[in-house]
Amino acid sequence: MKARTAALVSLVVAVALIAPPPAVADHDFPKDCGSQNRPGGGWYDLEGYNIACSVARTFAREYTYHGMHEGPWDCHSNPAGFEQTYFSCKRSKPGVGHQHVIFFIGS
């Protein structure tokens, strides 16, 4: 019985060491780029990865008020509450690599 338990524990430990880690985000968002300056509905809680905050803010402003046009950004949205939507936009820029911004639009 002890041998069987020891073998089972060894198997569980081996699987835990070999198995891939649980799904996590591609990366952290080291830059908190803030929210729009004007009151009312718009974009807020902007965070960026591998992108200057000034560029991320310009993108969020353009996206919010002019919509998405053809371009390198791949955006997805999810409802985030009453009159709120969560956006996640990624692109790969030559010489820079992966860039990613996340933000909310709503009131």
C-alpha atoms as a PDB file:
ATOM      1  CA  MET A   1       0.000   0.000   0.000  1.00  0.00           C
ATOM      2  CA  LYS A   2       2.815   2.411   0.898  1.00  0.00           C
ATOM      3  CA  ALA A   3       4.594   1.586  -2.353  1.00  0.00           C
ATOM      4  CA  ARG A   4       1.441   2.306  -4.351  1.00  0.00           C
ATOM      5  CA  THR A   5       0.941   5.646  -2.580  1.00  0.00           C
ATOM      6  CA  ALA A   6       4.583   6.611  -3.137  1.00  0.00           C
ATOM      7  CA  ALA A   7       4.294   5.707  -6.826  1.00  0.00           C
ATOM      8  CA  LEU A   8       1.115   7.771  -7.155  1.00  0.00           C
ATOM      9  CA  VAL A   9       2.723  10.781  -5.466  1.00  0.00           C
ATOM     10  CA  SER A  10       5.772  10.449  -7.725  1.00  0.00           C
ATOM     11  CA  LEU A  11       3.534  10.304 -10.775  1.00  0.00           C
ATOM     12  CA  VAL A  12       1.618  13.421  -9.717  1.00  0.00           C
ATOM     13  CA  VAL A  13       4.866  15.322  -9.102  1.00  0.00           C
ATOM     14  CA  ALA A  14       6.276  14.221 -12.472  1.00  0.00           C
ATOM     15  CA  VAL A  15       3.122  15.310 -14.320  1.00  0.00           C
ATOM     16  CA  ALA A  16       3.160  18.663 -12.524  1.00  0.00           C
ATOM     17  CA  LEU A  17       6.760  19.256 -13.582  1.00  0.00           C
ATOM     18  CA  ILE A  18       6.202  18.206 -17.207  1.00  0.00           C
ATOM     19  CA  ALA A  19       2.749  19.699 -17.833  1.00  0.00           C
ATOM     20  CA  PRO A  20       2.528  23.194 -19.296  1.00  0.00           C
ATOM     21  CA  PRO A  21       1.698  25.967 -16.854  1.00  0.00           C
ATOM     22  CA  PRO A  22      -1.904  27.106 -16.593  1.00  0.00           C
ATOM     23  CA  ALA A  23      -3.028  29.610 -19.197  1.00  0.00           C
ATOM     24  CA  VAL A  24      -1.830  33.106 -18.391  1.00  0.00           C
ATOM     25  CA  ALA A  25      -1.792  36.386 -20.277  1.00  0.00           C
ATOM     26  CA  ASP A  26       0.837  36.776 -22.986  1.00  0.00           C
ATOM     27  CA  HIS A  27       2.538  39.365 -20.800  1.00  0.00           C
ATOM     28  CA  ASP A  28       2.032  41.952 -18.131  1.00  0.00           C
ATOM     29  CA  PHE A  29       1.011  45.512 -18.914  1.00  0.00           C
ATOM     30  CA  PRO A  30       3.796  47.558 -17.365  1.00  0.00           C
ATOM     31  CA  LYS A  31       2.469  50.926 -18.494  1.00  0.00           C
ATOM     32  CA  ASP A  32      -0.617  52.453 -16.919  1.00  0.00           C
ATOM     33  CA  CYS A  33      -1.419  55.161 -19.463  1.00  0.00           C
ATOM     34  CA  GLY A  34      -4.381  56.673 -17.628  1.00  0.00           C
ATOM     35  CA  SER A  35      -7.760  57.821 -18.851  1.00  0.00           C
ATOM     36  CA  GLN A  36      -9.036  60.602 -21.092  1.00  0.00           C
ATOM     37  CA  ASN A  37      -8.865  64.095 -19.590  1.00  0.00           C
ATOM     38  CA  ARG A  38     -12.396  65.206 -20.379  1.00  0.00           C
ATOM     39  CA  PRO A  39     -15.400  64.080 -18.307  1.00  0.00           C
ATOM     40  CA  GLY A  40     -18.156  61.881 -19.688  1.00  0.00           C
ATOM     41  CA  GLY A  41     -18.227  58.799 -21.875  1.00  0.00           C
ATOM     42  CA  GLY A  42     -15.032  57.836 -23.623  1.00  0.00           C
ATOM     43  CA  TRP A  43     -11.956  55.724 -23.013  1.00  0.00           C
ATOM     44  CA  TYR A  44     -10.381  54.998 -19.652  1.00  0.00           C
ATOM     45  CA  ASP A  45      -8.054  52.623 -17.752  1.00  0.00           C
ATOM     46  CA  LEU A  46      -5.657  52.407 -20.694  1.00  0.00           C
ATOM     47  CA  GLU A  47      -2.701  50.061 -20.290  1.00  0.00           C
ATOM     48  CA  GLY A  48       0.057  49.321 -22.755  1.00  0.00           C
ATOM     49  CA  TYR A  49       2.731  46.787 -23.505  1.00  0.00           C
ATOM     50  CA  ASN A  50       5.822  47.705 -25.549  1.00  0.00           C
ATOM     51  CA  ILE A  51       4.276  51.016 -26.630  1.00  0.00           C
ATOM     52  CA  ALA A  52       4.708  54.617 -25.524  1.00  0.00           C
ATOM     53  CA  CYS A  53       1.768  55.950 -23.523  1.00  0.00           C
ATOM     54  CA  SER A  54       1.452  58.923 -25.874  1.00  0.00           C
ATOM     55  CA  VAL A  55       0.982  56.537 -28.817  1.00  0.00           C
ATOM     56  CA  ALA A  56      -1.450  54.370 -26.827  1.00  0.00           C
ATOM     57  CA  ARG A  57      -3.507  57.439 -25.829  1.00  0.00           C
ATOM     58  CA  THR A  58      -3.635  58.671 -29.431  1.00  0.00           C
ATOM     59  CA  PHE A  59      -4.769  55.219 -30.547  1.00  0.00           C
ATOM     60  CA  ALA A  60      -7.492  55.013 -27.857  1.00  0.00           C
ATOM     61  CA  ARG A  61      -8.728  58.518 -28.720  1.00  0.00           C
ATOM     62  CA  GLU A  62      -8.854  57.809 -32.456  1.00  0.00           C
ATOM     63  CA  TYR A  63     -10.454  54.405 -31.944  1.00  0.00           C
ATOM     64  CA  THR A  64     -13.091  55.784 -29.570  1.00  0.00           C
ATOM     65  CA  TYR A  65     -14.127  58.818 -31.575  1.00  0.00           C
ATOM     66  CA  HIS A  66     -13.424  57.826 -35.184  1.00  0.00           C
ATOM     67  CA  GLY A  67     -13.751  54.031 -35.197  1.00  0.00           C
ATOM     68  CA  MET A  68     -11.315  51.483 -36.498  1.00  0.00           C
ATOM     69  CA  HIS A  69      -9.997  51.924 -40.022  1.00  0.00           C
ATOM     70  CA  GLU A  70      -7.947  49.500 -42.049  1.00  0.00           C
ATOM     71  CA  GLY A  71      -4.615  49.088 -40.400  1.00  0.00           C
ATOM     72  CA  PRO A  72      -2.281  46.783 -38.553  1.00  0.00           C
ATOM     73  CA  TRP A  73      -4.266  46.609 -35.294  1.00  0.00           C
ATOM     74  CA  ASP A  74      -6.295  43.505 -34.449  1.00  0.00           C
ATOM     75  CA  CYS A  75      -8.973  44.465 -31.901  1.00  0.00           C
ATOM     76  CA  HIS A  76     -11.446  42.401 -29.933  1.00  0.00           C
ATOM     77  CA  SER A  77     -14.146  43.609 -27.563  1.00  0.00           C
ATOM     78  CA  ASN A  78     -16.213  42.188 -24.731  1.00  0.00           C
ATOM     79  CA  PRO A  79     -19.079  43.688 -22.744  1.00  0.00           C
ATOM     80  CA  ALA A  80     -17.801  44.902 -19.376  1.00  0.00           C
ATOM     81  CA  GLY A  81     -20.941  46.179 -17.712  1.00  0.00           C
ATOM     82  CA  PHE A  82     -23.778  48.571 -18.342  1.00  0.00           C
ATOM     83  CA  GLU A  83     -22.721  50.861 -21.219  1.00  0.00           C
ATOM     84  CA  GLN A  84     -19.104  49.683 -20.978  1.00  0.00           C
ATOM     85  CA  THR A  85     -16.980  47.668 -23.360  1.00  0.00           C
ATOM     86  CA  TYR A  86     -13.493  46.231 -22.840  1.00  0.00           C
ATOM     87  CA  PHE A  87     -11.131  46.450 -25.831  1.00  0.00           C
ATOM     88  CA  SER A  88      -7.920  44.558 -26.449  1.00  0.00           C
ATOM     89  CA  CYS A  89      -5.869  45.574 -29.493  1.00  0.00           C
ATOM     90  CA  LYS A  90      -2.620  44.015 -30.724  1.00  0.00           C
ATOM     91  CA  ARG A  91      -0.238  44.612 -33.563  1.00  0.00           C
ATOM     92  CA  SER A  92       3.235  43.584 -34.657  1.00  0.00           C
ATOM     93  CA  LYS A  93       5.347  46.542 -35.730  1.00  0.00           C
ATOM     94  CA  PRO A  94       8.546  46.006 -37.752  1.00  0.00           C
ATOM     95  CA  GLY A  95      11.606  46.752 -35.672  1.00  0.00           C
ATOM     96  CA  VAL A  96       9.543  46.952 -32.470  1.00  0.00           C
ATOM     97  CA  GLY A  97       7.686  43.639 -32.233  1.00  0.00           C
ATOM     98  CA  HIS A  98       4.491  42.845 -30.396  1.00  0.00           C
ATOM     99  CA  GLN A  99       2.497  45.823 -29.080  1.00  0.00           C
ATOM    100  CA  HIS A 100      -0.713  45.544 -27.080  1.00  0.00           C
ATOM    101  CA  VAL A 101      -3.150  48.017 -25.569  1.00  0.00           C
ATOM    102  CA  ILE A 102      -6.210  47.392 -23.421  1.00  0.00           C
ATOM    103  CA  PHE A 103      -8.835  49.918 -22.371  1.00  0.00           C
ATOM    104  CA  PHE A 104     -12.508  50.463 -21.640  1.00  0.00           C
ATOM    105  CA  ILE A 105     -14.969  52.587 -23.578  1.00  0.00           C
ATOM    106  CA  GLY A 106     -18.209  53.709 -22.012  1.00  0.00           C
ATOM    107  CA  SER A 107     -19.797  56.050 -19.575  1.00  0.00           C
END
